[in-house]
Amino acid sequence: MKWVEARSDSSRGRLLGHVRYCDSFFRRLRGLMLRRRLGDDEGVLLVGRRESRWDAAIHMLFVLFPIATIWLDAEGYVVDSQLARPFRPLYVPRAPAQDVLEGPPRLLGQVCVGDRLRFTEVESA
């Protein structure tokens, strides 16, 4: 499994140090389902194939805790963000997105629409 670190061009320092890179259909589908909790430095990057509102939509079925959901375009710019609550069936970004970063709710205070996020591969834990 591939792990990456998330940084924002607009903030100093790292946003998340331990992000699971999910680029297959089944890894994207599973996301954070059935996990009991998410660490403050953990997240999941759901990697899409193209920019689209509907392809970047997420569900919160069987996700047991609220998460920050940050939608990114193909260049890594934030196009939308929202607090996603457990067991809600659908969240769709306001603008077309390719990738989705899911992480602890504190991320919503650290990134804004228009920020650019970068991901760097790190050794697996």
C-alpha atoms as a PDB file:
ATOM      1  CA  MET A   1       0.000   0.000   0.000  1.00  0.00           C
ATOM      2  CA  LYS A   2       1.206   3.489  -0.847  1.00  0.00           C
ATOM      3  CA  TRP A   3       1.320   6.262   1.773  1.00  0.00           C
ATOM      4  CA  VAL A   4       1.680   9.971   1.128  1.00  0.00           C
ATOM      5  CA  GLU A   5       2.094  13.149   3.142  1.00  0.00           C
ATOM      6  CA  ALA A   6      -0.172  16.169   2.528  1.00  0.00           C
ATOM      7  CA  ARG A   7       1.065  19.771   2.476  1.00  0.00           C
ATOM      8  CA  SER A   8      -0.652  23.015   1.536  1.00  0.00           C
ATOM      9  CA  ASP A   9       1.105  25.707  -0.490  1.00  0.00           C
ATOM     10  CA  SER A  10      -0.670  28.388   1.534  1.00  0.00           C
ATOM     11  CA  SER A  11       0.138  27.110   5.031  1.00  0.00           C
ATOM     12  CA  ARG A  12       3.470  26.452   6.620  1.00  0.00           C
ATOM     13  CA  GLY A  13       4.127  22.846   7.491  1.00  0.00           C
ATOM     14  CA  ARG A  14       2.443  19.551   6.940  1.00  0.00           C
ATOM     15  CA  LEU A  15      -1.317  19.023   6.982  1.00  0.00           C
ATOM     16  CA  LEU A  16      -1.239  15.234   7.390  1.00  0.00           C
ATOM     17  CA  GLY A  17       1.720  12.908   7.676  1.00  0.00           C
ATOM     18  CA  HIS A  18       0.023   9.561   7.158  1.00  0.00           C
ATOM     19  CA  VAL A  19      -2.364   9.517   4.181  1.00  0.00           C
ATOM     20  CA  ARG A  20      -3.445   6.242   2.577  1.00  0.00           C
ATOM     21  CA  TYR A  21      -3.343   6.556  -1.236  1.00  0.00           C
ATOM     22  CA  CYS A  22      -6.458   4.851  -2.653  1.00  0.00           C
ATOM     23  CA  ASP A  23      -6.322   4.568  -6.425  1.00  0.00           C
ATOM     24  CA  SER A  24      -8.290   1.375  -7.092  1.00  0.00           C
ATOM     25  CA  PHE A  25     -12.083   1.106  -7.248  1.00  0.00           C
ATOM     26  CA  PHE A  26     -12.297  -1.083  -4.139  1.00  0.00           C
ATOM     27  CA  ARG A  27      -9.924   1.057  -2.051  1.00  0.00           C
ATOM     28  CA  ARG A  28     -11.899   4.187  -2.982  1.00  0.00           C
ATOM     29  CA  LEU A  29     -15.193   2.434  -2.213  1.00  0.00           C
ATOM     30  CA  ARG A  30     -13.958   1.261   1.192  1.00  0.00           C
ATOM     31  CA  GLY A  31     -12.407   4.598   2.189  1.00  0.00           C
ATOM     32  CA  LEU A  32     -12.917   4.946   5.937  1.00  0.00           C
ATOM     33  CA  MET A  33     -15.814   2.493   6.286  1.00  0.00           C
ATOM     34  CA  LEU A  34     -15.873   0.438   9.481  1.00  0.00           C
ATOM     35  CA  ARG A  35     -12.888   2.189  11.071  1.00  0.00           C
ATOM     36  CA  ARG A  36     -13.432   3.034  14.716  1.00  0.00           C
ATOM     37  CA  ARG A  37     -11.499   6.294  14.591  1.00  0.00           C
ATOM     38  CA  LEU A  38      -9.091   8.395  12.586  1.00  0.00           C
ATOM     39  CA  GLY A  39      -5.880   9.740  14.095  1.00  0.00           C
ATOM     40  CA  ASP A  40      -5.217  13.484  14.068  1.00  0.00           C
ATOM     41  CA  ASP A  41      -2.365  13.025  11.541  1.00  0.00           C
ATOM     42  CA  GLU A  42      -4.159  10.439   9.356  1.00  0.00           C
ATOM     43  CA  GLY A  43      -6.210  10.661   6.202  1.00  0.00           C
ATOM     44  CA  VAL A  44      -7.253   8.966   2.989  1.00  0.00           C
ATOM     45  CA  LEU A  45      -6.693  10.290  -0.540  1.00  0.00           C
ATOM     46  CA  LEU A  46      -9.302   8.930  -2.960  1.00  0.00           C
ATOM     47  CA  VAL A  47      -7.646   9.281  -6.367  1.00  0.00           C
ATOM     48  CA  GLY A  48     -10.021   9.743  -9.297  1.00  0.00           C
ATOM     49  CA  ARG A  49      -9.494   9.287 -12.995  1.00  0.00           C
ATOM     50  CA  ARG A  50     -11.122  12.521 -14.240  1.00  0.00           C
ATOM     51  CA  GLU A  51     -12.717  15.709 -13.011  1.00  0.00           C
ATOM     52  CA  SER A  52     -16.437  15.354 -12.379  1.00  0.00           C
ATOM     53  CA  ARG A  53     -18.941  16.302  -9.707  1.00  0.00           C
ATOM     54  CA  TRP A  54     -20.571  12.867  -9.618  1.00  0.00           C
ATOM     55  CA  ASP A  55     -17.403  10.764  -9.886  1.00  0.00           C
ATOM     56  CA  ALA A  56     -15.998  12.694  -6.902  1.00  0.00           C
ATOM     57  CA  ALA A  57     -19.127  12.230  -4.768  1.00  0.00           C
ATOM     58  CA  ILE A  58     -18.689  10.296  -1.533  1.00  0.00           C
ATOM     59  CA  HIS A  59     -20.949   8.346   0.808  1.00  0.00           C
ATOM     60  CA  MET A  60     -20.665   8.068   4.577  1.00  0.00           C
ATOM     61  CA  LEU A  61     -22.391   4.703   4.950  1.00  0.00           C
ATOM     62  CA  PHE A  62     -20.698   2.722   7.722  1.00  0.00           C
ATOM     63  CA  VAL A  63     -18.326   5.598   8.515  1.00  0.00           C
ATOM     64  CA  LEU A  64     -18.624   5.966  12.279  1.00  0.00           C
ATOM     65  CA  PHE A  65     -17.292   9.504  12.850  1.00  0.00           C
ATOM     66  CA  PRO A  66     -17.396  12.936  11.147  1.00  0.00           C
ATOM     67  CA  ILE A  67     -14.600  13.794   8.717  1.00  0.00           C
ATOM     68  CA  ALA A  68     -13.315  16.747   6.748  1.00  0.00           C
ATOM     69  CA  THR A  69     -13.886  16.195   3.050  1.00  0.00           C
ATOM     70  CA  ILE A  70     -11.718  18.235   0.700  1.00  0.00           C
ATOM     71  CA  TRP A  71     -12.280  17.999  -3.050  1.00  0.00           C
ATOM     72  CA  LEU A  72      -9.343  18.719  -5.378  1.00  0.00           C
ATOM     73  CA  ASP A  73      -9.162  19.344  -9.106  1.00  0.00           C
ATOM     74  CA  ALA A  74      -6.606  17.633 -11.374  1.00  0.00           C
ATOM     75  CA  GLU A  75      -3.956  20.245 -10.450  1.00  0.00           C
ATOM     76  CA  GLY A  76      -4.445  19.767  -6.697  1.00  0.00           C
ATOM     77  CA  TYR A  77      -6.415  22.968  -6.078  1.00  0.00           C
ATOM     78  CA  VAL A  78      -9.196  22.822  -3.475  1.00  0.00           C
ATOM     79  CA  VAL A  79     -12.557  23.294  -5.211  1.00  0.00           C
ATOM     80  CA  ASP A  80     -14.820  22.538  -2.211  1.00  0.00           C
ATOM     81  CA  SER A  81     -14.716  21.306   1.363  1.00  0.00           C
ATOM     82  CA  GLN A  82     -17.315  20.143   3.831  1.00  0.00           C
ATOM     83  CA  LEU A  83     -17.774  18.363   7.144  1.00  0.00           C
ATOM     84  CA  ALA A  84     -19.215  14.942   6.295  1.00  0.00           C
ATOM     85  CA  ARG A  85     -21.320  13.306   8.992  1.00  0.00           C
ATOM     86  CA  PRO A  86     -21.691   9.567   9.696  1.00  0.00           C
ATOM     87  CA  PHE A  87     -24.196   7.476   7.737  1.00  0.00           C
ATOM     88  CA  ARG A  88     -25.199  10.211   5.276  1.00  0.00           C
ATOM     89  CA  PRO A  89     -25.809   8.727   1.828  1.00  0.00           C
ATOM     90  CA  LEU A  90     -24.248  11.354  -0.431  1.00  0.00           C
ATOM     91  CA  TYR A  91     -21.938  14.364  -0.531  1.00  0.00           C
ATOM     92  CA  VAL A  92     -21.307  15.985  -3.926  1.00  0.00           C
ATOM     93  CA  PRO A  93     -18.786  18.801  -4.495  1.00  0.00           C
ATOM     94  CA  ARG A  94     -20.018  22.173  -5.784  1.00  0.00           C
ATOM     95  CA  ALA A  95     -17.474  22.108  -8.609  1.00  0.00           C
ATOM     96  CA  PRO A  96     -15.937  19.270 -10.640  1.00  0.00           C
ATOM     97  CA  ALA A  97     -13.182  17.483  -8.720  1.00  0.00           C
ATOM     98  CA  GLN A  98     -10.844  14.596  -9.386  1.00  0.00           C
ATOM     99  CA  ASP A  99      -9.488  13.615  -5.969  1.00  0.00           C
ATOM    100  CA  VAL A 100     -10.918  13.648  -2.456  1.00  0.00           C
ATOM    101  CA  LEU A 101      -8.921  14.063   0.736  1.00  0.00           C
ATOM    102  CA  GLU A 102     -10.691  12.724   3.820  1.00  0.00           C
ATOM    103  CA  GLY A 103      -9.242  13.529   7.218  1.00  0.00           C
ATOM    104  CA  PRO A 104      -9.877  14.847  10.712  1.00  0.00           C
ATOM    105  CA  PRO A 105     -12.343  17.755  10.985  1.00  0.00           C
ATOM    106  CA  ARG A 106      -9.535  20.164  11.973  1.00  0.00           C
ATOM    107  CA  LEU A 107      -8.465  20.238   8.301  1.00  0.00           C
ATOM    108  CA  LEU A 108     -11.439  22.440   7.468  1.00  0.00           C
ATOM    109  CA  GLY A 109      -9.790  25.257   9.416  1.00  0.00           C
ATOM    110  CA  GLN A 110      -6.465  24.781   7.618  1.00  0.00           C
ATOM    111  CA  VAL A 111      -7.460  24.812   3.937  1.00  0.00           C
ATOM    112  CA  CYS A 112      -9.649  27.078   1.818  1.00  0.00           C
ATOM    113  CA  VAL A 113     -11.062  26.901  -1.685  1.00  0.00           C
ATOM    114  CA  GLY A 114      -8.243  27.935  -4.008  1.00  0.00           C
ATOM    115  CA  ASP A 115      -5.427  26.470  -1.882  1.00  0.00           C
ATOM    116  CA  ARG A 116      -3.168  23.971  -3.615  1.00  0.00           C
ATOM    117  CA  LEU A 117      -2.328  20.709  -1.870  1.00  0.00           C
ATOM    118  CA  ARG A 118       0.712  18.583  -2.640  1.00  0.00           C
ATOM    119  CA  PHE A 119       1.264  14.941  -1.807  1.00  0.00           C
ATOM    120  CA  THR A 120       4.678  13.369  -1.354  1.00  0.00           C
ATOM    121  CA  GLU A 121       5.268   9.632  -1.093  1.00  0.00           C
ATOM    122  CA  VAL A 122       6.602   8.443   2.263  1.00  0.00           C
ATOM    123  CA  GLU A 123       7.717   5.072   3.569  1.00  0.00           C
ATOM    124  CA  SER A 124       4.847   2.900   4.792  1.00  0.00           C
ATOM    125  CA  ALA A 125       4.223   2.643   8.500  1.00  0.00           C
END
